[in-house]
Amino acid sequence: QVQLVESGGGLVQAGGSARLSCVASGRTFRTGAMGWFRQAPGKEREFVAAISRSGGSIYYADSMKGRFTISRDNAKNTVYLQMNSLKAEDTAIYYCAAREVPYLSRAGEVDEYDYWGQGTQVTVSS
């Protein structure tokens, strides 16, 4: 099993930035490609970004391109999400997810991922 723990959420002013972290523990050698999703109240879980184990393949949802950056440090078993120019509509619970394989195929699909964190709340005040 792999455990994922997110951190870095909180209250941010519109136009500001936040950096989320997700640390993987447990059988971390099984952690492959990773992704970030978010879920706002009353809405379905939405794809944000994903990165292969090597970091060579990265995908973003169209609305996040240019504002969000995903990265990872395999030595620290950690994936990051740098969020800039935050808007009120970015308010959501942000979830980290991991696959057991190193590559991405359907990066934006919830059922593509094997493990999920508990989420961290990001609230953007306007």
Foldseek 3Di string as FASTA:
>chain_A
DKAKAKDWADEAAAQAKTKMKIAIDDPLVQFFKKFKWWDDPPGDIWGAKIAFRVRPDIDGDPVQPPFWDWDDDVVRRMIMIIGGNDDQVVWTWMKMFTASHRDDDPRTDPVRTDDIYPTDTHGYHD
